[in-house]
Amino acid sequence: MPVNVQQALDLRLNKNLSYAQIGQIQGVSDVAIFNKIKPLLPDQCNEVYKAQRSDILSHTQLKILSSISSQDLKKANLQAKAVSFGIFYDKERLERGLATERIDHLHLSASLDDLQAERDRLLALRSGKNGGIQPSINRDSPTIDGRPSLDNGCQNRDIPK
């Protein structure tokens, strides 16, 4: 009978059952359970690494940067230098839980407000609740697929001629 790895991991990690108990539940030997799930279980080295990952990354970054000689830097082109610095900088900030990009929340909020207003306007047009204003067909404006476009009052100012 094959080992149900997902169930075995759940029983081991969440229910704290022994390999023998899990084997009894699944009808297999404790050795079979151990062999299947042991490589998937967190070990002390993994836990230490995860807890110290940003410091390990910073130390590795320092070792790599220290190993680069002045001659190596002179040989590298400007793009390689800039890209390498940017990657190291971003990854260290990411590991430390710091921002790696800027977001203009004010602009984002304004855009959401604009989208909501446009949605409301379109729903009003669709339901006929647009204050009696009906879109008119402007026969002088450019056409789309041979059909006249709707005149939105802009006279298609943004379309280059």
Foldseek 3Di string as FASTA:
>chain_A
DAQPLVVLVCCCPPVVDQLCVSCVVVVHHSVRSCVRCVVVDDDPVNVVCLVCVLVVLVVVVVVVVVVQDPVNVVPDDPVVVVVVVLVSVLVSCVSVVHDNDDDDVVVVVVVVVVVVVVVVCVVCQVVVNNPPDHFDFDPPADDDPPHTDTCPVPSPPVDDD
